[in-house]
Amino acid sequence: MILPLAHTKLDVYKTSHSMVLEVYRIVRTFPDYEKFGMMAQIRRAAVSVHLNITEGCSRKSKAERNRFYEVARGSLIEVDAGLDIAKDLGYCTILEGTEIVKLVQSCFHQLTAMMR
């Protein structure tokens, strides 16, 4: 991290960072023909979660922060839906208790708590 800002110490920041890395590991196993399709879309959504949390933390007003957290949460739901489709297509196996499931659920709960 170039700027040692306070938000980097937040649990939701750390969780979303770990989630992005795990998503990148998972989609690496997708077929090559999904490189510019589902693989790219799920990666973009995962990165969007992390970046919107980061940008939201820099905003002064609660309403502005919450807007970024809402966008992050929407992108997180997009990651969840994308991984569900990938699982159904046989691109990956997502089972309860795996790291990605824990990270997505944790990030969702942390974001929801921050928006209260």
C-alpha atoms as a PDB file:
ATOM      1  CA  MET A   1       0.000   0.000   0.000  1.00  0.00           C
ATOM      2  CA  ILE A   2       1.477   3.322  -1.030  1.00  0.00           C
ATOM      3  CA  LEU A   3      -0.638   5.490   1.283  1.00  0.00           C
ATOM      4  CA  PRO A   4      -0.760   4.146   4.840  1.00  0.00           C
ATOM      5  CA  LEU A   5      -4.335   5.293   5.485  1.00  0.00           C
ATOM      6  CA  ALA A   6      -6.538   4.245   8.402  1.00  0.00           C
ATOM      7  CA  HIS A   7      -9.064   2.326   6.298  1.00  0.00           C
ATOM      8  CA  THR A   8      -6.445  -0.323   5.529  1.00  0.00           C
ATOM      9  CA  LYS A   9      -6.747  -1.488   9.137  1.00  0.00           C
ATOM     10  CA  LEU A  10     -10.519  -2.125   8.876  1.00  0.00           C
ATOM     11  CA  ASP A  11     -11.678  -5.746   8.895  1.00  0.00           C
ATOM     12  CA  VAL A  12     -13.918  -5.179   5.871  1.00  0.00           C
ATOM     13  CA  TYR A  13     -10.937  -3.846   3.900  1.00  0.00           C
ATOM     14  CA  LYS A  14      -8.862  -6.906   4.783  1.00  0.00           C
ATOM     15  CA  THR A  15     -11.742  -9.288   4.087  1.00  0.00           C
ATOM     16  CA  SER A  16     -12.517  -7.772   0.696  1.00  0.00           C
ATOM     17  CA  HIS A  17      -8.826  -7.848  -0.241  1.00  0.00           C
ATOM     18  CA  SER A  18      -8.635 -11.553   0.626  1.00  0.00           C
ATOM     19  CA  MET A  19     -11.869 -12.158  -1.279  1.00  0.00           C
ATOM     20  CA  VAL A  20     -10.439 -10.554  -4.444  1.00  0.00           C
ATOM     21  CA  LEU A  21      -7.325 -12.723  -4.239  1.00  0.00           C
ATOM     22  CA  GLU A  22      -9.427 -15.865  -3.725  1.00  0.00           C
ATOM     23  CA  VAL A  23     -11.701 -14.970  -6.670  1.00  0.00           C
ATOM     24  CA  TYR A  24      -8.646 -14.577  -8.896  1.00  0.00           C
ATOM     25  CA  ARG A  25      -7.420 -18.015  -7.778  1.00  0.00           C
ATOM     26  CA  ILE A  26     -10.803 -19.620  -8.470  1.00  0.00           C
ATOM     27  CA  VAL A  27     -11.429 -18.131 -11.918  1.00  0.00           C
ATOM     28  CA  ARG A  28      -7.956 -19.184 -13.069  1.00  0.00           C
ATOM     29  CA  THR A  29      -9.430 -22.685 -13.343  1.00  0.00           C
ATOM     30  CA  PHE A  30     -12.216 -21.609 -15.733  1.00  0.00           C
ATOM     31  CA  PRO A  31     -11.997 -22.699 -19.385  1.00  0.00           C
ATOM     32  CA  ASP A  32      -9.948 -20.450 -21.674  1.00  0.00           C
ATOM     33  CA  TYR A  33     -13.034 -19.508 -23.694  1.00  0.00           C
ATOM     34  CA  GLU A  34     -14.415 -17.743 -20.584  1.00  0.00           C
ATOM     35  CA  LYS A  35     -11.388 -15.440 -20.340  1.00  0.00           C
ATOM     36  CA  PHE A  36     -13.289 -12.456 -21.736  1.00  0.00           C
ATOM     37  CA  GLY A  37     -16.687 -13.519 -20.457  1.00  0.00           C
ATOM     38  CA  MET A  38     -17.543 -14.833 -17.047  1.00  0.00           C
ATOM     39  CA  MET A  39     -13.942 -14.863 -15.800  1.00  0.00           C
ATOM     40  CA  ALA A  40     -13.485 -11.161 -16.525  1.00  0.00           C
ATOM     41  CA  GLN A  41     -16.927 -10.206 -15.171  1.00  0.00           C
ATOM     42  CA  ILE A  42     -16.437 -11.970 -11.832  1.00  0.00           C
ATOM     43  CA  ARG A  43     -12.961 -10.461 -11.458  1.00  0.00           C
ATOM     44  CA  ARG A  44     -14.282  -6.957 -12.180  1.00  0.00           C
ATOM     45  CA  ALA A  45     -17.086  -7.369  -9.662  1.00  0.00           C
ATOM     46  CA  ALA A  46     -14.671  -8.601  -6.980  1.00  0.00           C
ATOM     47  CA  VAL A  47     -12.295  -5.699  -7.549  1.00  0.00           C
ATOM     48  CA  SER A  48     -15.279  -3.332  -7.507  1.00  0.00           C
ATOM     49  CA  VAL A  49     -16.177  -4.531  -4.000  1.00  0.00           C
ATOM     50  CA  HIS A  50     -12.718  -3.724  -2.670  1.00  0.00           C
ATOM     51  CA  LEU A  51     -12.340  -0.407  -4.491  1.00  0.00           C
ATOM     52  CA  ASN A  52     -15.789   0.880  -3.517  1.00  0.00           C
ATOM     53  CA  ILE A  53     -15.124   0.056   0.126  1.00  0.00           C
ATOM     54  CA  THR A  54     -11.839   1.923  -0.143  1.00  0.00           C
ATOM     55  CA  GLU A  55     -13.387   4.935  -1.850  1.00  0.00           C
ATOM     56  CA  GLY A  56     -16.308   4.987   0.578  1.00  0.00           C
ATOM     57  CA  CYS A  57     -13.898   5.161   3.503  1.00  0.00           C
ATOM     58  CA  SER A  58     -12.459   8.380   2.063  1.00  0.00           C
ATOM     59  CA  ARG A  59     -15.814  10.182   1.999  1.00  0.00           C
ATOM     60  CA  LYS A  60     -16.691  12.678   4.717  1.00  0.00           C
ATOM     61  CA  SER A  61     -20.475  12.312   4.945  1.00  0.00           C
ATOM     62  CA  LYS A  62     -22.209   9.155   6.134  1.00  0.00           C
ATOM     63  CA  ALA A  63     -24.654   9.310   3.213  1.00  0.00           C
ATOM     64  CA  GLU A  64     -21.813   9.435   0.709  1.00  0.00           C
ATOM     65  CA  ARG A  65     -19.932   6.602   2.439  1.00  0.00           C
ATOM     66  CA  ASN A  66     -23.053   4.468   2.508  1.00  0.00           C
ATOM     67  CA  ARG A  67     -23.619   4.962  -1.215  1.00  0.00           C
ATOM     68  CA  PHE A  68     -20.192   3.464  -1.949  1.00  0.00           C
ATOM     69  CA  TYR A  69     -20.850   0.643   0.521  1.00  0.00           C
ATOM     70  CA  GLU A  70     -24.162  -0.068  -1.245  1.00  0.00           C
ATOM     71  CA  VAL A  71     -22.358  -0.293  -4.584  1.00  0.00           C
ATOM     72  CA  ALA A  72     -19.749  -2.580  -2.993  1.00  0.00           C
ATOM     73  CA  ARG A  73     -22.486  -4.803  -1.591  1.00  0.00           C
ATOM     74  CA  GLY A  74     -24.185  -4.943  -5.007  1.00  0.00           C
ATOM     75  CA  SER A  75     -20.902  -5.998  -6.606  1.00  0.00           C
ATOM     76  CA  LEU A  76     -20.471  -8.623  -3.906  1.00  0.00           C
ATOM     77  CA  ILE A  77     -23.888 -10.055  -4.780  1.00  0.00           C
ATOM     78  CA  GLU A  78     -22.736 -10.053  -8.416  1.00  0.00           C
ATOM     79  CA  VAL A  79     -19.654 -12.112  -7.425  1.00  0.00           C
ATOM     80  CA  ASP A  80     -21.918 -14.545  -5.589  1.00  0.00           C
ATOM     81  CA  ALA A  81     -24.256 -14.918  -8.578  1.00  0.00           C
ATOM     82  CA  GLY A  82     -21.349 -15.300 -11.004  1.00  0.00           C
ATOM     83  CA  LEU A  83     -19.734 -18.017  -8.916  1.00  0.00           C
ATOM     84  CA  ASP A  84     -23.099 -19.777  -8.636  1.00  0.00           C
ATOM     85  CA  ILE A  85     -23.438 -19.848 -12.427  1.00  0.00           C
ATOM     86  CA  ALA A  86     -19.818 -21.010 -12.779  1.00  0.00           C
ATOM     87  CA  LYS A  87     -20.499 -23.817 -10.307  1.00  0.00           C
ATOM     88  CA  ASP A  88     -23.603 -24.895 -12.222  1.00  0.00           C
ATOM     89  CA  LEU A  89     -21.594 -24.916 -15.476  1.00  0.00           C
ATOM     90  CA  GLY A  90     -18.967 -27.122 -13.830  1.00  0.00           C
ATOM     91  CA  TYR A  91     -16.203 -24.502 -13.949  1.00  0.00           C
ATOM     92  CA  CYS A  92     -15.593 -24.686 -10.218  1.00  0.00           C
ATOM     93  CA  THR A  93     -16.846 -26.362  -7.084  1.00  0.00           C
ATOM     94  CA  ILE A  94     -18.122 -23.984  -4.414  1.00  0.00           C
ATOM     95  CA  LEU A  95     -19.199 -25.833  -1.300  1.00  0.00           C
ATOM     96  CA  GLU A  96     -20.299 -24.530   2.072  1.00  0.00           C
ATOM     97  CA  GLY A  97     -17.318 -24.020   4.313  1.00  0.00           C
ATOM     98  CA  THR A  98     -14.830 -23.148   1.551  1.00  0.00           C
ATOM     99  CA  GLU A  99     -12.698 -20.019   1.857  1.00  0.00           C
ATOM    100  CA  ILE A 100     -14.586 -18.037  -0.797  1.00  0.00           C
ATOM    101  CA  VAL A 101     -17.932 -18.745   0.865  1.00  0.00           C
ATOM    102  CA  LYS A 102     -16.604 -17.547   4.226  1.00  0.00           C
ATOM    103  CA  LEU A 103     -15.087 -14.418   2.682  1.00  0.00           C
ATOM    104  CA  VAL A 104     -18.201 -13.438   0.696  1.00  0.00           C
ATOM    105  CA  GLN A 105     -20.482 -13.972   3.684  1.00  0.00           C
ATOM    106  CA  SER A 106     -18.156 -12.114   6.043  1.00  0.00           C
ATOM    107  CA  CYS A 107     -17.750  -9.191   3.660  1.00  0.00           C
ATOM    108  CA  PHE A 108     -21.532  -8.983   3.185  1.00  0.00           C
ATOM    109  CA  HIS A 109     -22.168  -8.900   6.943  1.00  0.00           C
ATOM    110  CA  GLN A 110     -19.395  -6.361   7.558  1.00  0.00           C
ATOM    111  CA  LEU A 111     -20.700  -4.052   4.831  1.00  0.00           C
ATOM    112  CA  THR A 112     -24.248  -4.310   6.117  1.00  0.00           C
ATOM    113  CA  ALA A 113     -23.065  -3.448   9.649  1.00  0.00           C
ATOM    114  CA  MET A 114     -21.084  -0.454   8.362  1.00  0.00           C
ATOM    115  CA  MET A 115     -24.167   0.914   6.621  1.00  0.00           C
ATOM    116  CA  ARG A 116     -26.185   1.022   9.855  1.00  0.00           C
END
